[in-house]
All heavy atoms as atom14 arrays in JSON, in Angstrom:
{
  "sequence": "DPTGSLLVLWGPESDAQNSHKLYTANPEFNELSKALYTESDPAKRRT",
  "atom14_mask": [
    [1, 1, 1, 1, 1, 1, 1, 1, 0, 0, 0, 0, 0, 0],
    [1, 1, 1, 1, 1, 1, 1, 0, 0, 0, 0, 0, 0, 0],
    [1, 1, 1, 1, 1, 1, 1, 0, 0, 0, 0, 0, 0, 0],
    [1, 1, 1, 1, 0, 0, 0, 0, 0, 0, 0, 0, 0, 0],
    [1, 1, 1, 1, 1, 1, 0, 0, 0, 0, 0, 0, 0, 0],
    [1, 1, 1, 1, 1, 1, 1, 1, 0, 0, 0, 0, 0, 0],
    [1, 1, 1, 1, 1, 1, 1, 1, 0, 0, 0, 0, 0, 0],
    [1, 1, 1, 1, 1, 1, 1, 0, 0, 0, 0, 0, 0, 0],
    [1, 1, 1, 1, 1, 1, 1, 1, 0, 0, 0, 0, 0, 0],
    [1, 1, 1, 1, 1, 1, 1, 1, 1, 1, 1, 1, 1, 1],
    [1, 1, 1, 1, 0, 0, 0, 0, 0, 0, 0, 0, 0, 0],
    [1, 1, 1, 1, 1, 1, 1, 0, 0, 0, 0, 0, 0, 0],
    [1, 1, 1, 1, 1, 1, 1, 1, 1, 0, 0, 0, 0, 0],
    [1, 1, 1, 1, 1, 1, 0, 0, 0, 0, 0, 0, 0, 0],
    [1, 1, 1, 1, 1, 1, 1, 1, 0, 0, 0, 0, 0, 0],
    [1, 1, 1, 1, 1, 0, 0, 0, 0, 0, 0, 0, 0, 0],
    [1, 1, 1, 1, 1, 1, 1, 1, 1, 0, 0, 0, 0, 0],
    [1, 1, 1, 1, 1, 1, 1, 1, 0, 0, 0, 0, 0, 0],
    [1, 1, 1, 1, 1, 1, 0, 0, 0, 0, 0, 0, 0, 0],
    [1, 1, 1, 1, 1, 1, 1, 1, 1, 1, 0, 0, 0, 0],
    [1, 1, 1, 1, 1, 1, 1, 1, 1, 0, 0, 0, 0, 0],
    [1, 1, 1, 1, 1, 1, 1, 1, 0, 0, 0, 0, 0, 0],
    [1, 1, 1, 1, 1, 1, 1, 1, 1, 1, 1, 1, 0, 0],
    [1, 1, 1, 1, 1, 1, 1, 0, 0, 0, 0, 0, 0, 0],
    [1, 1, 1, 1, 1, 0, 0, 0, 0, 0, 0, 0, 0, 0],
    [1, 1, 1, 1, 1, 1, 1, 1, 0, 0, 0, 0, 0, 0],
    [1, 1, 1, 1, 1, 1, 1, 0, 0, 0, 0, 0, 0, 0],
    [1, 1, 1, 1, 1, 1, 1, 1, 1, 0, 0, 0, 0, 0],
    [1, 1, 1, 1, 1, 1, 1, 1, 1, 1, 1, 0, 0, 0],
    [1, 1, 1, 1, 1, 1, 1, 1, 0, 0, 0, 0, 0, 0],
    [1, 1, 1, 1, 1, 1, 1, 1, 1, 0, 0, 0, 0, 0],
    [1, 1, 1, 1, 1, 1, 1, 1, 0, 0, 0, 0, 0, 0],
    [1, 1, 1, 1, 1, 1, 0, 0, 0, 0, 0, 0, 0, 0],
    [1, 1, 1, 1, 1, 1, 1, 1, 1, 0, 0, 0, 0, 0],
    [1, 1, 1, 1, 1, 0, 0, 0, 0, 0, 0, 0, 0, 0],
    [1, 1, 1, 1, 1, 1, 1, 1, 0, 0, 0, 0, 0, 0],
    [1, 1, 1, 1, 1, 1, 1, 1, 1, 1, 1, 1, 0, 0],
    [1, 1, 1, 1, 1, 1, 1, 0, 0, 0, 0, 0, 0, 0],
    [1, 1, 1, 1, 1, 1, 1, 1, 1, 0, 0, 0, 0, 0],
    [1, 1, 1, 1, 1, 1, 0, 0, 0, 0, 0, 0, 0, 0],
    [1, 1, 1, 1, 1, 1, 1, 1, 0, 0, 0, 0, 0, 0],
    [1, 1, 1, 1, 1, 1, 1, 0, 0, 0, 0, 0, 0, 0],
    [1, 1, 1, 1, 1, 0, 0, 0, 0, 0, 0, 0, 0, 0],
    [1, 1, 1, 1, 1, 1, 1, 1, 1, 0, 0, 0, 0, 0],
    [1, 1, 1, 1, 1, 1, 1, 1, 1, 1, 1, 0, 0, 0],
    [1, 1, 1, 1, 1, 1, 1, 1, 1, 1, 1, 0, 0, 0],
    [1, 1, 1, 1, 1, 1, 1, 0, 0, 0, 0, 0, 0, 0]
  ],
  "atom14_positions": [
    [[82.55, 86.02, 118.69], [82.48, 86.72, 117.46], [83.42, 87.94, 117.46], [83.58, 88.55, 118.47], [81.03, 87.2, 117.08], [80.8, 87.62, 115.7], [80.45, 86.83, 114.8], [80.92, 88.89, 115.46], [0.0, 0.0, 0.0], [0.0, 0.0, 0.0], [0.0, 0.0, 0.0], [0.0, 0.0, 0.0], [0.0, 0.0, 0.0], [0.0, 0.0, 0.0]],
    [[84.07, 88.22, 116.29], [84.91, 89.4, 116.29], [84.35, 90.71, 116.72], [85.04, 91.61, 117.19], [85.58, 89.38, 114.91], [84.59, 88.51, 114.08], [84.06, 87.54, 115.0], [0.0, 0.0, 0.0], [0.0, 0.0, 0.0], [0.0, 0.0, 0.0], [0.0, 0.0, 0.0], [0.0, 0.0, 0.0], [0.0, 0.0, 0.0], [0.0, 0.0, 0.0]],
    [[83.01, 90.83, 116.52], [82.32, 92.1, 116.81], [82.23, 92.19, 118.35], [82.01, 93.25, 118.87], [80.94, 92.14, 116.23], [80.1, 91.15, 116.69], [80.95, 92.14, 114.71], [0.0, 0.0, 0.0], [0.0, 0.0, 0.0], [0.0, 0.0, 0.0], [0.0, 0.0, 0.0], [0.0, 0.0, 0.0], [0.0, 0.0, 0.0], [0.0, 0.0, 0.0]],
    [[82.45, 91.17, 119.12], [82.47, 91.18, 120.55], [83.86, 90.96, 121.12], [83.94, 90.86, 122.32], [0.0, 0.0, 0.0], [0.0, 0.0, 0.0], [0.0, 0.0, 0.0], [0.0, 0.0, 0.0], [0.0, 0.0, 0.0], [0.0, 0.0, 0.0], [0.0, 0.0, 0.0], [0.0, 0.0, 0.0], [0.0, 0.0, 0.0], [0.0, 0.0, 0.0]],
    [[84.82, 91.06, 120.25], [86.24, 90.96, 120.77], [87.15, 91.86, 120.08], [87.41, 92.96, 120.65], [86.59, 89.54, 120.55], [86.44, 89.05, 119.22], [0.0, 0.0, 0.0], [0.0, 0.0, 0.0], [0.0, 0.0, 0.0], [0.0, 0.0, 0.0], [0.0, 0.0, 0.0], [0.0, 0.0, 0.0], [0.0, 0.0, 0.0], [0.0, 0.0, 0.0]],
    [[87.54, 91.57, 118.93], [88.52, 92.47, 118.15], [87.96, 93.89, 118.09], [88.66, 94.86, 118.35], [88.85, 91.85, 116.85], [89.84, 92.69, 115.99], [91.22, 92.78, 116.58], [89.92, 92.06, 114.57], [0.0, 0.0, 0.0], [0.0, 0.0, 0.0], [0.0, 0.0, 0.0], [0.0, 0.0, 0.0], [0.0, 0.0, 0.0], [0.0, 0.0, 0.0]],
    [[86.75, 94.06, 117.54], [86.19, 95.35, 117.3], [85.9, 96.08, 118.58], [85.93, 97.33, 118.56], [84.96, 95.22, 116.31], [85.18, 94.55, 114.96], [84.01, 94.72, 114.03], [86.44, 95.24, 114.34], [0.0, 0.0, 0.0], [0.0, 0.0, 0.0], [0.0, 0.0, 0.0], [0.0, 0.0, 0.0], [0.0, 0.0, 0.0], [0.0, 0.0, 0.0]],
    [[85.57, 95.38, 119.65], [85.27, 96.06, 120.91], [86.55, 96.76, 121.39], [86.51, 97.92, 121.86], [84.72, 95.07, 121.96], [84.74, 95.72, 123.33], [83.29, 94.65, 121.57], [0.0, 0.0, 0.0], [0.0, 0.0, 0.0], [0.0, 0.0, 0.0], [0.0, 0.0, 0.0], [0.0, 0.0, 0.0], [0.0, 0.0, 0.0], [0.0, 0.0, 0.0]],
    [[87.63, 96.07, 121.33], [88.85, 96.51, 121.85], [89.81, 97.26, 120.86], [90.6, 98.16, 121.31], [89.62, 95.34, 122.5], [88.89, 94.71, 123.61], [89.64, 93.36, 124.04], [88.67, 95.61, 124.8], [0.0, 0.0, 0.0], [0.0, 0.0, 0.0], [0.0, 0.0, 0.0], [0.0, 0.0, 0.0], [0.0, 0.0, 0.0], [0.0, 0.0, 0.0]],
    [[89.71, 97.04, 119.6], [90.64, 97.6, 118.72], [89.85, 98.24, 117.46], [90.5, 98.81, 116.56], [91.55, 96.55, 118.18], [92.39, 95.99, 119.21], [92.25, 94.81, 119.9], [93.66, 96.55, 119.71], [93.25, 94.68, 120.8], [94.18, 95.63, 120.69], [94.4, 97.73, 119.5], [95.35, 95.93, 121.47], [95.53, 97.98, 120.11], [95.97, 97.09, 121.11]],
    [[88.61, 98.14, 117.4], [87.81, 98.68, 116.3], [87.67, 100.2, 116.11], [88.2, 100.92, 117.01], [0.0, 0.0, 0.0], [0.0, 0.0, 0.0], [0.0, 0.0, 0.0], [0.0, 0.0, 0.0], [0.0, 0.0, 0.0], [0.0, 0.0, 0.0], [0.0, 0.0, 0.0], [0.0, 0.0, 0.0], [0.0, 0.0, 0.0], [0.0, 0.0, 0.0]],
    [[86.95, 100.68, 115.17], [86.88, 102.2, 114.92], [86.19, 102.89, 116.14], [86.44, 104.14, 116.27], [86.13, 102.33, 113.64], [85.37, 101.02, 113.46], [86.3, 99.95, 114.12], [0.0, 0.0, 0.0], [0.0, 0.0, 0.0], [0.0, 0.0, 0.0], [0.0, 0.0, 0.0], [0.0, 0.0, 0.0], [0.0, 0.0, 0.0], [0.0, 0.0, 0.0]],
    [[85.36, 102.22, 116.95], [84.73, 102.93, 118.08], [85.5, 102.64, 119.35], [84.99, 103.05, 120.48], [83.29, 102.45, 118.21], [82.43, 102.77, 117.05], [82.21, 104.24, 116.79], [82.28, 104.97, 117.88], [81.88, 104.64, 115.74], [0.0, 0.0, 0.0], [0.0, 0.0, 0.0], [0.0, 0.0, 0.0], [0.0, 0.0, 0.0], [0.0, 0.0, 0.0]],
    [[86.58, 101.97, 119.41], [87.24, 101.51, 120.57], [88.02, 102.61, 121.21], [88.44, 103.59, 120.56], [88.19, 100.33, 120.22], [89.3, 100.8, 119.42], [0.0, 0.0, 0.0], [0.0, 0.0, 0.0], [0.0, 0.0, 0.0], [0.0, 0.0, 0.0], [0.0, 0.0, 0.0], [0.0, 0.0, 0.0], [0.0, 0.0, 0.0], [0.0, 0.0, 0.0]],
    [[88.34, 102.39, 122.47], [89.2, 103.36, 123.2], [90.59, 103.38, 122.66], [91.29, 104.44, 122.57], [89.28, 103.02, 124.68], [87.99, 103.31, 125.42], [87.21, 104.11, 124.98], [87.82, 102.65, 126.5], [0.0, 0.0, 0.0], [0.0, 0.0, 0.0], [0.0, 0.0, 0.0], [0.0, 0.0, 0.0], [0.0, 0.0, 0.0], [0.0, 0.0, 0.0]],
    [[91.09, 102.21, 122.16], [92.43, 102.16, 121.58], [92.61, 103.17, 120.47], [93.72, 103.8, 120.18], [92.74, 100.71, 121.15], [0.0, 0.0, 0.0], [0.0, 0.0, 0.0], [0.0, 0.0, 0.0], [0.0, 0.0, 0.0], [0.0, 0.0, 0.0], [0.0, 0.0, 0.0], [0.0, 0.0, 0.0], [0.0, 0.0, 0.0], [0.0, 0.0, 0.0]],
    [[91.57, 103.25, 119.6], [91.66, 104.12, 118.44], [91.25, 105.6, 118.73], [91.72, 106.47, 118.15], [90.77, 103.67, 117.3], [91.31, 102.46, 116.52], [90.7, 102.24, 115.19], [90.57, 103.18, 114.45], [90.4, 101.02, 114.81], [0.0, 0.0, 0.0], [0.0, 0.0, 0.0], [0.0, 0.0, 0.0], [0.0, 0.0, 0.0], [0.0, 0.0, 0.0]],
    [[90.46, 105.73, 119.87], [89.83, 107.09, 120.12], [90.55, 107.69, 121.37], [91.55, 108.42, 121.26], [88.45, 106.93, 120.18], [87.76, 106.62, 118.87], [87.75, 107.41, 118.01], [87.44, 105.28, 118.79], [0.0, 0.0, 0.0], [0.0, 0.0, 0.0], [0.0, 0.0, 0.0], [0.0, 0.0, 0.0], [0.0, 0.0, 0.0], [0.0, 0.0, 0.0]],
    [[89.96, 107.52, 122.55], [90.35, 108.26, 123.76], [91.74, 107.95, 124.1], [92.5, 108.88, 124.5], [89.45, 107.97, 124.87], [89.48, 106.54, 125.14], [0.0, 0.0, 0.0], [0.0, 0.0, 0.0], [0.0, 0.0, 0.0], [0.0, 0.0, 0.0], [0.0, 0.0, 0.0], [0.0, 0.0, 0.0], [0.0, 0.0, 0.0], [0.0, 0.0, 0.0]],
    [[92.28, 106.77, 123.92], [93.68, 106.45, 124.29], [94.72, 106.67, 123.24], [95.82, 106.75, 123.56], [93.8, 104.9, 124.72], [92.9, 104.51, 125.91], [92.4, 103.33, 126.12], [92.45, 105.26, 126.9], [91.66, 103.33, 127.27], [91.66, 104.45, 127.69], [0.0, 0.0, 0.0], [0.0, 0.0, 0.0], [0.0, 0.0, 0.0], [0.0, 0.0, 0.0]],
    [[94.13, 106.75, 121.95], [94.97, 107.08, 120.83], [96.29, 106.2, 120.77], [97.38, 106.65, 120.56], [95.42, 108.63, 120.91], [94.23, 109.53, 120.88], [94.51, 110.97, 120.85], [93.31, 111.94, 120.95], [92.29, 111.54, 119.99], [0.0, 0.0, 0.0], [0.0, 0.0, 0.0], [0.0, 0.0, 0.0], [0.0, 0.0, 0.0], [0.0, 0.0, 0.0]],
    [[96.1, 104.94, 120.86], [97.2, 103.94, 120.8], [97.31, 103.36, 119.39], [98.42, 102.85, 119.03], [96.93, 102.8, 121.72], [96.88, 103.22, 123.27], [96.4, 102.03, 124.09], [98.23, 103.67, 123.77], [0.0, 0.0, 0.0], [0.0, 0.0, 0.0], [0.0, 0.0, 0.0], [0.0, 0.0, 0.0], [0.0, 0.0, 0.0], [0.0, 0.0, 0.0]],
    [[96.19, 103.41, 118.6], [96.19, 102.7, 117.41], [95.58, 103.45, 116.31], [94.43, 103.92, 116.34], [95.42, 101.32, 117.54], [95.22, 100.53, 116.3], [96.13, 100.41, 115.31], [94.07, 99.73, 116.15], [95.9, 99.55, 114.21], [93.84, 98.91, 115.03], [94.76, 98.91, 114.11], [94.53, 98.12, 112.92], [0.0, 0.0, 0.0], [0.0, 0.0, 0.0]],
    [[96.43, 103.83, 115.26], [95.97, 104.44, 114.01], [95.8, 103.31, 112.99], [96.86, 102.83, 112.46], [96.9, 105.46, 113.46], [97.02, 106.46, 114.56], [96.39, 106.12, 112.26], [0.0, 0.0, 0.0], [0.0, 0.0, 0.0], [0.0, 0.0, 0.0], [0.0, 0.0, 0.0], [0.0, 0.0, 0.0], [0.0, 0.0, 0.0], [0.0, 0.0, 0.0]],
    [[94.54, 102.96, 112.74], [94.32, 101.76, 111.91], [94.37, 102.0, 110.42], [94.05, 103.16, 109.99], [92.92, 101.11, 112.31], [0.0, 0.0, 0.0], [0.0, 0.0, 0.0], [0.0, 0.0, 0.0], [0.0, 0.0, 0.0], [0.0, 0.0, 0.0], [0.0, 0.0, 0.0], [0.0, 0.0, 0.0], [0.0, 0.0, 0.0], [0.0, 0.0, 0.0]],
    [[94.65, 100.94, 109.7], [94.42, 101.0, 108.14], [93.05, 101.44, 107.93], [92.12, 100.67, 108.42], [94.83, 99.64, 107.63], [94.87, 99.68, 106.11], [93.88, 100.09, 105.53], [95.85, 99.13, 105.53], [0.0, 0.0, 0.0], [0.0, 0.0, 0.0], [0.0, 0.0, 0.0], [0.0, 0.0, 0.0], [0.0, 0.0, 0.0], [0.0, 0.0, 0.0]],
    [[92.73, 102.29, 107.18], [91.32, 102.67, 106.87], [90.43, 101.54, 106.38], [89.35, 101.47, 106.65], [91.49, 103.84, 105.75], [92.77, 104.43, 105.97], [93.63, 103.25, 106.46], [0.0, 0.0, 0.0], [0.0, 0.0, 0.0], [0.0, 0.0, 0.0], [0.0, 0.0, 0.0], [0.0, 0.0, 0.0], [0.0, 0.0, 0.0], [0.0, 0.0, 0.0]],
    [[91.09, 100.61, 105.62], [90.32, 99.47, 105.12], [89.84, 98.65, 106.3], [88.79, 98.02, 106.19], [91.18, 98.71, 104.15], [90.37, 97.43, 103.55], [91.23, 96.55, 102.64], [92.38, 96.87, 102.42], [90.68, 95.58, 102.17], [0.0, 0.0, 0.0], [0.0, 0.0, 0.0], [0.0, 0.0, 0.0], [0.0, 0.0, 0.0], [0.0, 0.0, 0.0]],
    [[90.66, 98.48, 107.29], [90.25, 97.74, 108.47], [89.04, 98.28, 109.07], [88.0, 97.6, 109.45], [91.5, 97.75, 109.51], [91.03, 97.12, 110.84], [91.18, 95.71, 111.01], [90.69, 97.87, 111.88], [90.84, 95.12, 112.23], [90.39, 97.28, 113.15], [90.42, 95.87, 113.27], [0.0, 0.0, 0.0], [0.0, 0.0, 0.0], [0.0, 0.0, 0.0]],
    [[88.99, 99.6, 109.31], [87.85, 100.28, 109.86], [86.6, 100.16, 108.98], [85.45, 100.0, 109.45], [88.18, 101.69, 110.16], [88.97, 101.84, 111.43], [89.17, 100.87, 112.21], [89.48, 103.04, 111.65], [0.0, 0.0, 0.0], [0.0, 0.0, 0.0], [0.0, 0.0, 0.0], [0.0, 0.0, 0.0], [0.0, 0.0, 0.0], [0.0, 0.0, 0.0]],
    [[86.78, 100.2, 107.67], [85.72, 100.16, 106.76], [85.12, 98.73, 106.75], [83.8, 98.55, 106.82], [86.05, 100.53, 105.42], [84.98, 100.8, 104.32], [84.02, 101.87, 104.75], [84.56, 102.8, 105.33], [82.83, 101.73, 104.45], [0.0, 0.0, 0.0], [0.0, 0.0, 0.0], [0.0, 0.0, 0.0], [0.0, 0.0, 0.0], [0.0, 0.0, 0.0]],
    [[85.97, 97.76, 106.78], [85.43, 96.37, 106.69], [84.72, 96.05, 108.09], [83.75, 95.11, 108.04], [86.57, 95.41, 106.59], [87.13, 95.37, 105.12], [88.42, 94.51, 105.09], [86.07, 94.73, 104.23], [0.0, 0.0, 0.0], [0.0, 0.0, 0.0], [0.0, 0.0, 0.0], [0.0, 0.0, 0.0], [0.0, 0.0, 0.0], [0.0, 0.0, 0.0]],
    [[85.09, 96.67, 109.16], [84.39, 96.36, 110.46], [82.89, 96.68, 110.33], [82.08, 96.01, 111.02], [85.13, 97.21, 111.55], [84.82, 98.54, 111.44], [0.0, 0.0, 0.0], [0.0, 0.0, 0.0], [0.0, 0.0, 0.0], [0.0, 0.0, 0.0], [0.0, 0.0, 0.0], [0.0, 0.0, 0.0], [0.0, 0.0, 0.0], [0.0, 0.0, 0.0]],
    [[82.58, 97.73, 109.62], [81.13, 98.06, 109.44], [80.41, 96.99, 108.76], [79.23, 96.59, 109.16], [81.03, 99.4, 108.73], [81.78, 100.58, 109.35], [81.74, 101.83, 108.5], [82.45, 102.95, 109.03], [82.49, 104.1, 108.19], [0.0, 0.0, 0.0], [0.0, 0.0, 0.0], [0.0, 0.0, 0.0], [0.0, 0.0, 0.0], [0.0, 0.0, 0.0]],
    [[80.99, 96.42, 107.74], [80.32, 95.27, 107.02], [80.21, 94.13, 107.93], [79.25, 93.29, 107.75], [81.14, 95.0, 105.79], [0.0, 0.0, 0.0], [0.0, 0.0, 0.0], [0.0, 0.0, 0.0], [0.0, 0.0, 0.0], [0.0, 0.0, 0.0], [0.0, 0.0, 0.0], [0.0, 0.0, 0.0], [0.0, 0.0, 0.0], [0.0, 0.0, 0.0]],
    [[81.14, 93.9, 108.82], [81.09, 92.64, 109.63], [79.95, 92.75, 110.61], [79.35, 91.63, 110.89], [82.44, 92.48, 110.35], [82.66, 91.22, 111.04], [82.86, 90.1, 109.86], [83.89, 91.18, 111.9], [0.0, 0.0, 0.0], [0.0, 0.0, 0.0], [0.0, 0.0, 0.0], [0.0, 0.0, 0.0], [0.0, 0.0, 0.0], [0.0, 0.0, 0.0]],
    [[79.61, 93.96, 111.0], [78.43, 94.11, 112.05], [77.07, 93.8, 111.28], [76.27, 93.2, 111.94], [78.43, 95.59, 112.44], [79.29, 95.84, 113.67], [80.41, 96.63, 113.55], [78.86, 95.37, 114.92], [81.17, 96.85, 114.68], [79.65, 95.57, 115.99], [80.81, 96.31, 115.93], [81.55, 96.62, 116.98], [0.0, 0.0, 0.0], [0.0, 0.0, 0.0]],
    [[76.99, 94.03, 110.0], [75.69, 94.01, 109.38], [75.56, 92.79, 108.46], [74.41, 92.37, 108.15], [75.46, 95.23, 108.48], [76.6, 95.37, 107.48], [75.4, 96.51, 109.33], [0.0, 0.0, 0.0], [0.0, 0.0, 0.0], [0.0, 0.0, 0.0], [0.0, 0.0, 0.0], [0.0, 0.0, 0.0], [0.0, 0.0, 0.0], [0.0, 0.0, 0.0]],
    [[76.59, 92.22, 108.01], [76.5, 91.09, 107.03], [76.05, 89.86, 107.76], [76.48, 89.49, 108.87], [77.83, 90.78, 106.4], [77.82, 89.56, 105.39], [76.78, 89.78, 104.29], [76.9, 90.75, 103.52], [75.88, 88.86, 104.31], [0.0, 0.0, 0.0], [0.0, 0.0, 0.0], [0.0, 0.0, 0.0], [0.0, 0.0, 0.0], [0.0, 0.0, 0.0]],
    [[74.99, 89.08, 107.35], [74.39, 87.98, 108.01], [74.85, 86.63, 107.39], [74.78, 85.52, 107.96], [72.89, 87.95, 108.03], [72.42, 88.12, 106.67], [0.0, 0.0, 0.0], [0.0, 0.0, 0.0], [0.0, 0.0, 0.0], [0.0, 0.0, 0.0], [0.0, 0.0, 0.0], [0.0, 0.0, 0.0], [0.0, 0.0, 0.0], [0.0, 0.0, 0.0]],
    [[75.37, 86.69, 106.08], [75.77, 85.44, 105.37], [77.18, 84.97, 106.02], [78.14, 85.65, 105.95], [75.97, 85.74, 103.95], [76.42, 84.41, 103.16], [75.51, 83.59, 102.91], [77.6, 84.27, 102.94], [0.0, 0.0, 0.0], [0.0, 0.0, 0.0], [0.0, 0.0, 0.0], [0.0, 0.0, 0.0], [0.0, 0.0, 0.0], [0.0, 0.0, 0.0]],
    [[77.17, 83.71, 106.53], [78.38, 83.24, 107.2], [79.55, 83.26, 106.27], [80.74, 83.59, 106.78], [78.08, 81.84, 107.73], [76.52, 81.93, 107.78], [76.03, 82.8, 106.77], [0.0, 0.0, 0.0], [0.0, 0.0, 0.0], [0.0, 0.0, 0.0], [0.0, 0.0, 0.0], [0.0, 0.0, 0.0], [0.0, 0.0, 0.0], [0.0, 0.0, 0.0]],
    [[79.45, 82.86, 105.11], [80.63, 82.72, 104.16], [81.18, 84.09, 103.82], [82.39, 84.26, 103.87], [80.13, 82.04, 102.84], [0.0, 0.0, 0.0], [0.0, 0.0, 0.0], [0.0, 0.0, 0.0], [0.0, 0.0, 0.0], [0.0, 0.0, 0.0], [0.0, 0.0, 0.0], [0.0, 0.0, 0.0], [0.0, 0.0, 0.0], [0.0, 0.0, 0.0]],
    [[80.32, 85.14, 103.73], [80.79, 86.47, 103.41], [81.45, 87.01, 104.64], [82.43, 87.7, 104.6], [79.59, 87.35, 102.93], [79.08, 87.04, 101.57], [77.9, 87.97, 101.19], [77.3, 87.57, 99.85], [76.11, 88.33, 99.5], [0.0, 0.0, 0.0], [0.0, 0.0, 0.0], [0.0, 0.0, 0.0], [0.0, 0.0, 0.0], [0.0, 0.0, 0.0]],
    [[80.81, 86.78, 105.79], [81.44, 87.24, 107.08], [82.88, 86.56, 107.26], [83.82, 87.32, 107.72], [80.61, 86.9, 108.34], [79.34, 87.64, 108.32], [78.63, 87.55, 109.64], [79.04, 88.5, 110.6], [79.46, 88.27, 111.74], [79.48, 87.0, 112.26], [79.81, 89.16, 112.67], [0.0, 0.0, 0.0], [0.0, 0.0, 0.0], [0.0, 0.0, 0.0]],
    [[83.06, 85.36, 106.89], [84.34, 84.64, 107.01], [85.38, 85.39, 106.17], [86.51, 85.6, 106.54], [84.2, 83.22, 106.64], [85.53, 82.41, 106.75], [85.21, 81.0, 106.14], [86.49, 80.22, 106.0], [87.04, 79.45, 106.95], [86.41, 79.3, 108.19], [88.13, 78.87, 106.79], [0.0, 0.0, 0.0], [0.0, 0.0, 0.0], [0.0, 0.0, 0.0]],
    [[84.96, 85.7, 104.89], [85.85, 86.41, 103.98], [86.27, 87.74, 104.52], [87.45, 88.2, 104.45], [85.21, 86.49, 102.52], [84.89, 85.13, 102.08], [86.16, 87.16, 101.57], [0.0, 0.0, 0.0], [0.0, 0.0, 0.0], [0.0, 0.0, 0.0], [0.0, 0.0, 0.0], [0.0, 0.0, 0.0], [0.0, 0.0, 0.0], [0.0, 0.0, 0.0]]
  ]
}
């Protein structure tokens, strides 16, 4: 699942965005990551 891969390594709480300061993400990317964690409907999560 992306919450256990992309978001772990590149998401808003990741080292890449924070302590290592390697990635300044598009704000929309970080905002959508929150919805991906909580949304349970598979079709909505896919979108």
